[in-house]
All heavy atoms as atom14 arrays in JSON, in Angstrom:
{
  "sequence": "AEQEITRLDQLLSTGDETSEVYRINQEGGGTLSEDTALL",
  "atom14_mask": [
    [1, 1, 1, 1, 1, 0, 0, 0, 0, 0, 0, 0, 0, 0],
    [1, 1, 1, 1, 1, 1, 1, 1, 1, 0, 0, 0, 0, 0],
    [1, 1, 1, 1, 1, 1, 1, 1, 1, 0, 0, 0, 0, 0],
    [1, 1, 1, 1, 1, 1, 1, 1, 1, 0, 0, 0, 0, 0],
    [1, 1, 1, 1, 1, 1, 1, 1, 0, 0, 0, 0, 0, 0],
    [1, 1, 1, 1, 1, 1, 1, 0, 0, 0, 0, 0, 0, 0],
    [1, 1, 1, 1, 1, 1, 1, 1, 1, 1, 1, 0, 0, 0],
    [1, 1, 1, 1, 1, 1, 1, 1, 0, 0, 0, 0, 0, 0],
    [1, 1, 1, 1, 1, 1, 1, 1, 0, 0, 0, 0, 0, 0],
    [1, 1, 1, 1, 1, 1, 1, 1, 1, 0, 0, 0, 0, 0],
    [1, 1, 1, 1, 1, 1, 1, 1, 0, 0, 0, 0, 0, 0],
    [1, 1, 1, 1, 1, 1, 1, 1, 0, 0, 0, 0, 0, 0],
    [1, 1, 1, 1, 1, 1, 0, 0, 0, 0, 0, 0, 0, 0],
    [1, 1, 1, 1, 1, 1, 1, 0, 0, 0, 0, 0, 0, 0],
    [1, 1, 1, 1, 0, 0, 0, 0, 0, 0, 0, 0, 0, 0],
    [1, 1, 1, 1, 1, 1, 1, 1, 0, 0, 0, 0, 0, 0],
    [1, 1, 1, 1, 1, 1, 1, 1, 1, 0, 0, 0, 0, 0],
    [1, 1, 1, 1, 1, 1, 1, 0, 0, 0, 0, 0, 0, 0],
    [1, 1, 1, 1, 1, 1, 0, 0, 0, 0, 0, 0, 0, 0],
    [1, 1, 1, 1, 1, 1, 1, 1, 1, 0, 0, 0, 0, 0],
    [1, 1, 1, 1, 1, 1, 1, 0, 0, 0, 0, 0, 0, 0],
    [1, 1, 1, 1, 1, 1, 1, 1, 1, 1, 1, 1, 0, 0],
    [1, 1, 1, 1, 1, 1, 1, 1, 1, 1, 1, 0, 0, 0],
    [1, 1, 1, 1, 1, 1, 1, 1, 0, 0, 0, 0, 0, 0],
    [1, 1, 1, 1, 1, 1, 1, 1, 0, 0, 0, 0, 0, 0],
    [1, 1, 1, 1, 1, 1, 1, 1, 1, 0, 0, 0, 0, 0],
    [1, 1, 1, 1, 1, 1, 1, 1, 1, 0, 0, 0, 0, 0],
    [1, 1, 1, 1, 0, 0, 0, 0, 0, 0, 0, 0, 0, 0],
    [1, 1, 1, 1, 0, 0, 0, 0, 0, 0, 0, 0, 0, 0],
    [1, 1, 1, 1, 0, 0, 0, 0, 0, 0, 0, 0, 0, 0],
    [1, 1, 1, 1, 1, 1, 1, 0, 0, 0, 0, 0, 0, 0],
    [1, 1, 1, 1, 1, 1, 1, 1, 0, 0, 0, 0, 0, 0],
    [1, 1, 1, 1, 1, 1, 0, 0, 0, 0, 0, 0, 0, 0],
    [1, 1, 1, 1, 1, 1, 1, 1, 1, 0, 0, 0, 0, 0],
    [1, 1, 1, 1, 1, 1, 1, 1, 0, 0, 0, 0, 0, 0],
    [1, 1, 1, 1, 1, 1, 1, 0, 0, 0, 0, 0, 0, 0],
    [1, 1, 1, 1, 1, 0, 0, 0, 0, 0, 0, 0, 0, 0],
    [1, 1, 1, 1, 1, 1, 1, 1, 0, 0, 0, 0, 0, 0],
    [1, 1, 1, 1, 1, 1, 1, 1, 0, 0, 0, 0, 0, 0]
  ],
  "atom14_positions": [
    [[15.07, 47.91, -14.77], [14.76, 46.57, -14.29], [13.28, 46.46, -13.93], [12.62, 45.46, -14.27], [15.62, 46.23, -13.08], [0.0, 0.0, 0.0], [0.0, 0.0, 0.0], [0.0, 0.0, 0.0], [0.0, 0.0, 0.0], [0.0, 0.0, 0.0], [0.0, 0.0, 0.0], [0.0, 0.0, 0.0], [0.0, 0.0, 0.0], [0.0, 0.0, 0.0]],
    [[12.75, 47.46, -13.27], [11.33, 47.45, -12.92], [10.46, 47.46, -14.18], [9.45, 46.75, -14.27], [10.98, 48.63, -12.03], [9.51, 48.63, -11.62], [9.17, 49.72, -10.62], [9.98, 50.66, -10.46], [8.09, 49.63, -10.02], [0.0, 0.0, 0.0], [0.0, 0.0, 0.0], [0.0, 0.0, 0.0], [0.0, 0.0, 0.0], [0.0, 0.0, 0.0]],
    [[10.85, 48.25, -15.16], [10.09, 48.29, -16.41], [10.1, 46.95, -17.11], [9.09, 46.5, -17.67], [10.68, 49.37, -17.33], [10.5, 50.79, -16.82], [11.26, 51.81, -17.66], [11.91, 51.47, -18.66], [11.2, 53.07, -17.26], [0.0, 0.0, 0.0], [0.0, 0.0, 0.0], [0.0, 0.0, 0.0], [0.0, 0.0, 0.0], [0.0, 0.0, 0.0]],
    [[11.24, 46.26, -17.07], [11.35, 44.95, -17.71], [10.51, 43.9, -16.98], [9.85, 43.07, -17.62], [12.81, 44.51, -17.77], [13.04, 43.2, -18.5], [12.77, 43.26, -19.99], [12.31, 44.33, -20.49], [13.01, 42.26, -20.68], [0.0, 0.0, 0.0], [0.0, 0.0, 0.0], [0.0, 0.0, 0.0], [0.0, 0.0, 0.0], [0.0, 0.0, 0.0]],
    [[10.5, 43.95, -15.68], [9.67, 43.02, -14.91], [8.2, 43.22, -15.24], [7.46, 42.26, -15.46], [9.91, 43.23, -13.4], [11.31, 42.72, -13.01], [8.84, 42.51, -12.58], [11.71, 43.08, -11.59], [0.0, 0.0, 0.0], [0.0, 0.0, 0.0], [0.0, 0.0, 0.0], [0.0, 0.0, 0.0], [0.0, 0.0, 0.0], [0.0, 0.0, 0.0]],
    [[7.78, 44.48, -15.29], [6.38, 44.78, -15.61], [6.03, 44.31, -17.01], [4.96, 43.72, -17.25], [6.13, 46.29, -15.5], [6.41, 46.71, -14.16], [4.68, 46.63, -15.84], [0.0, 0.0, 0.0], [0.0, 0.0, 0.0], [0.0, 0.0, 0.0], [0.0, 0.0, 0.0], [0.0, 0.0, 0.0], [0.0, 0.0, 0.0], [0.0, 0.0, 0.0]],
    [[6.93, 44.54, -17.97], [6.67, 44.12, -19.35], [6.51, 42.61, -19.46], [5.56, 42.12, -20.09], [7.83, 44.58, -20.24], [7.63, 44.25, -21.73], [8.86, 44.63, -22.55], [9.97, 43.72, -22.32], [10.11, 42.54, -22.95], [9.2, 42.13, -23.82], [11.17, 41.78, -22.71], [0.0, 0.0, 0.0], [0.0, 0.0, 0.0], [0.0, 0.0, 0.0]],
    [[7.42, 41.87, -18.84], [7.35, 40.42, -18.92], [6.16, 39.86, -18.15], [5.55, 38.87, -18.57], [8.66, 39.81, -18.41], [9.88, 40.05, -19.3], [11.15, 39.55, -18.63], [9.7, 39.38, -20.66], [0.0, 0.0, 0.0], [0.0, 0.0, 0.0], [0.0, 0.0, 0.0], [0.0, 0.0, 0.0], [0.0, 0.0, 0.0], [0.0, 0.0, 0.0]],
    [[5.81, 40.49, -17.06], [4.64, 40.06, -16.31], [3.38, 40.18, -17.16], [2.55, 39.27, -17.23], [4.51, 40.92, -15.04], [3.42, 40.43, -14.1], [2.99, 39.27, -14.24], [3.01, 41.21, -13.22], [0.0, 0.0, 0.0], [0.0, 0.0, 0.0], [0.0, 0.0, 0.0], [0.0, 0.0, 0.0], [0.0, 0.0, 0.0], [0.0, 0.0, 0.0]],
    [[3.25, 41.29, -17.84], [2.09, 41.51, -18.7], [2.08, 40.58, -19.9], [1.02, 40.21, -20.41], [2.07, 42.97, -19.16], [1.84, 43.97, -18.04], [2.01, 45.41, -18.48], [2.55, 45.69, -19.55], [1.55, 46.34, -17.64], [0.0, 0.0, 0.0], [0.0, 0.0, 0.0], [0.0, 0.0, 0.0], [0.0, 0.0, 0.0], [0.0, 0.0, 0.0]],
    [[3.25, 40.18, -20.35], [3.36, 39.32, -21.52], [3.08, 37.86, -21.2], [2.45, 37.15, -21.98], [4.78, 39.44, -22.1], [5.08, 38.65, -23.37], [4.4, 39.29, -24.57], [6.59, 38.57, -23.59], [0.0, 0.0, 0.0], [0.0, 0.0, 0.0], [0.0, 0.0, 0.0], [0.0, 0.0, 0.0], [0.0, 0.0, 0.0], [0.0, 0.0, 0.0]],
    [[3.54, 37.4, -20.03], [3.57, 35.97, -19.74], [2.5, 35.48, -18.77], [2.38, 34.28, -18.54], [4.94, 35.6, -19.17], [6.15, 35.95, -20.04], [7.44, 35.63, -19.31], [6.09, 35.22, -21.37], [0.0, 0.0, 0.0], [0.0, 0.0, 0.0], [0.0, 0.0, 0.0], [0.0, 0.0, 0.0], [0.0, 0.0, 0.0], [0.0, 0.0, 0.0]],
    [[1.71, 36.37, -18.23], [0.69, 35.98, -17.27], [-0.32, 35.01, -17.87], [-0.77, 35.18, -19.01], [-0.06, 37.22, -16.76], [-1.19, 36.85, -16.0], [0.0, 0.0, 0.0], [0.0, 0.0, 0.0], [0.0, 0.0, 0.0], [0.0, 0.0, 0.0], [0.0, 0.0, 0.0], [0.0, 0.0, 0.0], [0.0, 0.0, 0.0], [0.0, 0.0, 0.0]],
    [[-0.68, 33.98, -17.11], [-1.69, 33.02, -17.58], [-3.1, 33.5, -17.27], [-4.07, 32.97, -17.84], [-1.48, 31.65, -16.93], [-1.42, 31.82, -15.5], [-0.21, 30.99, -17.43], [0.0, 0.0, 0.0], [0.0, 0.0, 0.0], [0.0, 0.0, 0.0], [0.0, 0.0, 0.0], [0.0, 0.0, 0.0], [0.0, 0.0, 0.0], [0.0, 0.0, 0.0]],
    [[-3.24, 34.48, -16.37], [-4.57, 34.92, -15.97], [-4.99, 36.26, -16.53], [-6.19, 36.58, -16.55], [0.0, 0.0, 0.0], [0.0, 0.0, 0.0], [0.0, 0.0, 0.0], [0.0, 0.0, 0.0], [0.0, 0.0, 0.0], [0.0, 0.0, 0.0], [0.0, 0.0, 0.0], [0.0, 0.0, 0.0], [0.0, 0.0, 0.0], [0.0, 0.0, 0.0]],
    [[-4.04, 37.06, -17.0], [-4.34, 38.38, -17.56], [-4.85, 38.21, -18.99], [-4.14, 37.73, -19.87], [-3.09, 39.25, -17.55], [-3.34, 40.67, -18.01], [-4.42, 40.94, -18.58], [-2.44, 41.51, -17.83], [0.0, 0.0, 0.0], [0.0, 0.0, 0.0], [0.0, 0.0, 0.0], [0.0, 0.0, 0.0], [0.0, 0.0, 0.0], [0.0, 0.0, 0.0]],
    [[-6.09, 38.62, -19.23], [-6.7, 38.41, -20.55], [-6.01, 39.19, -21.66], [-6.25, 38.92, -22.84], [-8.18, 38.79, -20.49], [-8.99, 37.89, -19.56], [-10.46, 38.22, -19.58], [-10.87, 39.1, -20.38], [-11.23, 37.61, -18.81], [0.0, 0.0, 0.0], [0.0, 0.0, 0.0], [0.0, 0.0, 0.0], [0.0, 0.0, 0.0], [0.0, 0.0, 0.0]],
    [[-5.16, 40.15, -21.3], [-4.45, 40.92, -22.32], [-3.08, 40.33, -22.63], [-2.39, 40.81, -23.53], [-4.26, 42.38, -21.88], [-3.41, 42.42, -20.72], [-5.61, 43.01, -21.52], [0.0, 0.0, 0.0], [0.0, 0.0, 0.0], [0.0, 0.0, 0.0], [0.0, 0.0, 0.0], [0.0, 0.0, 0.0], [0.0, 0.0, 0.0], [0.0, 0.0, 0.0]],
    [[-2.65, 39.29, -21.92], [-1.31, 38.74, -22.11], [-1.25, 37.84, -23.33], [-2.26, 37.28, -23.79], [-0.87, 37.96, -20.88], [-1.43, 36.65, -20.87], [0.0, 0.0, 0.0], [0.0, 0.0, 0.0], [0.0, 0.0, 0.0], [0.0, 0.0, 0.0], [0.0, 0.0, 0.0], [0.0, 0.0, 0.0], [0.0, 0.0, 0.0], [0.0, 0.0, 0.0]],
    [[-0.04, 37.67, -23.83], [0.15, 36.82, -24.99], [-0.08, 35.35, -24.65], [-0.67, 34.61, -25.44], [1.57, 37.0, -25.54], [1.85, 36.18, -26.8], [3.19, 36.48, -27.42], [3.68, 37.62, -27.23], [3.74, 35.61, -28.1], [0.0, 0.0, 0.0], [0.0, 0.0, 0.0], [0.0, 0.0, 0.0], [0.0, 0.0, 0.0], [0.0, 0.0, 0.0]],
    [[0.37, 34.93, -23.48], [0.19, 33.54, -23.09], [-1.3, 33.21, -22.93], [-1.76, 32.14, -23.34], [0.96, 33.23, -21.79], [0.58, 31.84, -21.25], [2.46, 33.31, -22.03], [0.0, 0.0, 0.0], [0.0, 0.0, 0.0], [0.0, 0.0, 0.0], [0.0, 0.0, 0.0], [0.0, 0.0, 0.0], [0.0, 0.0, 0.0], [0.0, 0.0, 0.0]],
    [[-2.05, 34.12, -22.34], [-3.5, 33.91, -22.2], [-4.14, 33.74, -23.57], [-4.97, 32.85, -23.79], [-4.13, 35.08, -21.45], [-5.61, 34.9, -21.19], [-6.06, 34.29, -20.02], [-6.56, 35.35, -22.11], [-7.41, 34.13, -19.78], [-7.92, 35.19, -21.87], [-8.34, 34.57, -20.71], [-9.69, 34.4, -20.47], [0.0, 0.0, 0.0], [0.0, 0.0, 0.0]],
    [[-3.76, 34.6, -24.52], [-4.32, 34.52, -25.87], [-3.96, 33.2, -26.53], [-4.81, 32.55, -27.16], [-3.8, 35.69, -26.72], [-4.22, 35.61, -28.19], [-3.67, 36.78, -28.99], [-2.21, 36.85, -28.93], [-1.4, 36.1, -29.65], [-1.89, 35.16, -30.47], [-0.09, 36.26, -29.57], [0.0, 0.0, 0.0], [0.0, 0.0, 0.0], [0.0, 0.0, 0.0]],
    [[-2.72, 32.77, -26.38], [-2.3, 31.51, -26.97], [-3.13, 30.35, -26.42], [-3.59, 29.47, -27.16], [-0.8, 31.27, -26.69], [0.05, 32.25, -27.49], [-0.39, 29.83, -27.04], [1.49, 32.29, -27.06], [0.0, 0.0, 0.0], [0.0, 0.0, 0.0], [0.0, 0.0, 0.0], [0.0, 0.0, 0.0], [0.0, 0.0, 0.0], [0.0, 0.0, 0.0]],
    [[-3.32, 30.36, -25.11], [-4.07, 29.28, -24.49], [-5.54, 29.28, -24.9], [-6.15, 28.22, -25.08], [-3.96, 29.38, -22.96], [-2.6, 28.94, -22.45], [-1.88, 28.21, -23.12], [-2.25, 29.37, -21.25], [0.0, 0.0, 0.0], [0.0, 0.0, 0.0], [0.0, 0.0, 0.0], [0.0, 0.0, 0.0], [0.0, 0.0, 0.0], [0.0, 0.0, 0.0]],
    [[-6.11, 30.45, -25.06], [-7.52, 30.54, -25.45], [-7.73, 30.19, -26.91], [-8.75, 29.56, -27.27], [-8.05, 31.95, -25.17], [-8.09, 32.32, -23.7], [-8.94, 31.37, -22.89], [-10.09, 31.1, -23.21], [-8.37, 30.85, -21.8], [0.0, 0.0, 0.0], [0.0, 0.0, 0.0], [0.0, 0.0, 0.0], [0.0, 0.0, 0.0], [0.0, 0.0, 0.0]],
    [[-6.78, 30.54, -27.75], [-6.93, 30.33, -29.19], [-6.29, 29.04, -29.68], [-6.37, 28.72, -30.87], [-6.34, 31.54, -29.94], [-7.05, 32.84, -29.63], [-6.44, 34.03, -30.34], [-5.45, 33.83, -31.1], [-6.93, 35.16, -30.15], [0.0, 0.0, 0.0], [0.0, 0.0, 0.0], [0.0, 0.0, 0.0], [0.0, 0.0, 0.0], [0.0, 0.0, 0.0]],
    [[-5.62, 28.34, -28.79], [-5.0, 27.09, -29.19], [-3.73, 27.26, -30.0], [-3.36, 26.38, -30.79], [0.0, 0.0, 0.0], [0.0, 0.0, 0.0], [0.0, 0.0, 0.0], [0.0, 0.0, 0.0], [0.0, 0.0, 0.0], [0.0, 0.0, 0.0], [0.0, 0.0, 0.0], [0.0, 0.0, 0.0], [0.0, 0.0, 0.0], [0.0, 0.0, 0.0]],
    [[-3.06, 28.39, -29.81], [-1.8, 28.64, -30.51], [-1.75, 30.03, -31.09], [-2.59, 30.88, -30.8], [0.0, 0.0, 0.0], [0.0, 0.0, 0.0], [0.0, 0.0, 0.0], [0.0, 0.0, 0.0], [0.0, 0.0, 0.0], [0.0, 0.0, 0.0], [0.0, 0.0, 0.0], [0.0, 0.0, 0.0], [0.0, 0.0, 0.0], [0.0, 0.0, 0.0]],
    [[-0.74, 30.27, -31.94], [-0.59, 31.57, -32.57], [0.87, 31.87, -32.87], [1.75, 31.05, -32.64], [0.0, 0.0, 0.0], [0.0, 0.0, 0.0], [0.0, 0.0, 0.0], [0.0, 0.0, 0.0], [0.0, 0.0, 0.0], [0.0, 0.0, 0.0], [0.0, 0.0, 0.0], [0.0, 0.0, 0.0], [0.0, 0.0, 0.0], [0.0, 0.0, 0.0]],
    [[1.1, 33.08, -33.39], [2.45, 33.53, -33.68], [3.05, 34.16, -32.44], [2.43, 35.02, -31.81], [2.45, 34.55, -34.82], [1.83, 33.98, -35.97], [3.86, 34.98, -35.17], [0.0, 0.0, 0.0], [0.0, 0.0, 0.0], [0.0, 0.0, 0.0], [0.0, 0.0, 0.0], [0.0, 0.0, 0.0], [0.0, 0.0, 0.0], [0.0, 0.0, 0.0]],
    [[4.24, 33.74, -32.08], [4.85, 34.16, -30.82], [5.75, 35.38, -31.0], [6.41, 35.54, -32.03], [5.67, 33.02, -30.23], [4.96, 31.67, -30.05], [5.88, 30.68, -29.34], [3.65, 31.83, -29.3], [0.0, 0.0, 0.0], [0.0, 0.0, 0.0], [0.0, 0.0, 0.0], [0.0, 0.0, 0.0], [0.0, 0.0, 0.0], [0.0, 0.0, 0.0]],
    [[5.81, 36.2, -29.97], [6.76, 37.3, -29.93], [8.15, 36.75, -29.62], [8.33, 35.56, -29.35], [6.35, 38.32, -28.86], [6.44, 37.73, -27.57], [0.0, 0.0, 0.0], [0.0, 0.0, 0.0], [0.0, 0.0, 0.0], [0.0, 0.0, 0.0], [0.0, 0.0, 0.0], [0.0, 0.0, 0.0], [0.0, 0.0, 0.0], [0.0, 0.0, 0.0]],
    [[9.14, 37.62, -29.64], [10.52, 37.16, -29.43], [10.7, 36.48, -28.08], [11.32, 35.41, -27.98], [11.48, 38.35, -29.54], [12.94, 37.96, -29.35], [13.89, 39.14, -29.5], [13.41, 40.26, -29.8], [15.1, 38.94, -29.3], [0.0, 0.0, 0.0], [0.0, 0.0, 0.0], [0.0, 0.0, 0.0], [0.0, 0.0, 0.0], [0.0, 0.0, 0.0]],
    [[10.15, 37.08, -27.01], [10.33, 36.5, -25.68], [9.64, 35.16, -25.55], [10.23, 34.19, -25.05], [9.8, 37.46, -24.61], [10.62, 38.72, -24.49], [11.74, 38.66, -23.97], [10.13, 39.78, -24.93], [0.0, 0.0, 0.0], [0.0, 0.0, 0.0], [0.0, 0.0, 0.0], [0.0, 0.0, 0.0], [0.0, 0.0, 0.0], [0.0, 0.0, 0.0]],
    [[8.39, 35.07, -25.95], [7.67, 33.81, -25.81], [8.24, 32.73, -26.73], [8.22, 31.55, -26.4], [6.17, 33.99, -26.09], [5.98, 34.65, -27.33], [5.51, 34.79, -24.98], [0.0, 0.0, 0.0], [0.0, 0.0, 0.0], [0.0, 0.0, 0.0], [0.0, 0.0, 0.0], [0.0, 0.0, 0.0], [0.0, 0.0, 0.0], [0.0, 0.0, 0.0]],
    [[8.78, 33.15, -27.86], [9.44, 32.19, -28.75], [10.67, 31.61, -28.08], [10.91, 30.39, -28.11], [9.8, 32.85, -30.07], [0.0, 0.0, 0.0], [0.0, 0.0, 0.0], [0.0, 0.0, 0.0], [0.0, 0.0, 0.0], [0.0, 0.0, 0.0], [0.0, 0.0, 0.0], [0.0, 0.0, 0.0], [0.0, 0.0, 0.0], [0.0, 0.0, 0.0]],
    [[11.48, 32.48, -27.47], [12.68, 32.01, -26.77], [12.31, 31.08, -25.62], [12.95, 30.04, -25.42], [13.47, 33.21, -26.25], [14.24, 34.02, -27.28], [14.8, 35.3, -26.65], [15.38, 33.2, -27.88], [0.0, 0.0, 0.0], [0.0, 0.0, 0.0], [0.0, 0.0, 0.0], [0.0, 0.0, 0.0], [0.0, 0.0, 0.0], [0.0, 0.0, 0.0]],
    [[11.28, 31.43, -24.88], [10.85, 30.61, -23.75], [10.29, 29.27, -24.23], [10.51, 28.24, -23.59], [9.8, 31.36, -22.92], [10.36, 32.5, -22.06], [9.24, 33.41, -21.58], [11.12, 31.94, -20.86], [0.0, 0.0, 0.0], [0.0, 0.0, 0.0], [0.0, 0.0, 0.0], [0.0, 0.0, 0.0], [0.0, 0.0, 0.0], [0.0, 0.0, 0.0]]
  ]
}
């Protein structure tokens, strides 16, 4: 459970420059991973 929380935190953070959501926002879109696609 802790590992999953950490993984999703790193994936979905709006402020972490390494996150997928941050990249999407900076680039104006992109191809989504399974989790972000579901969300």
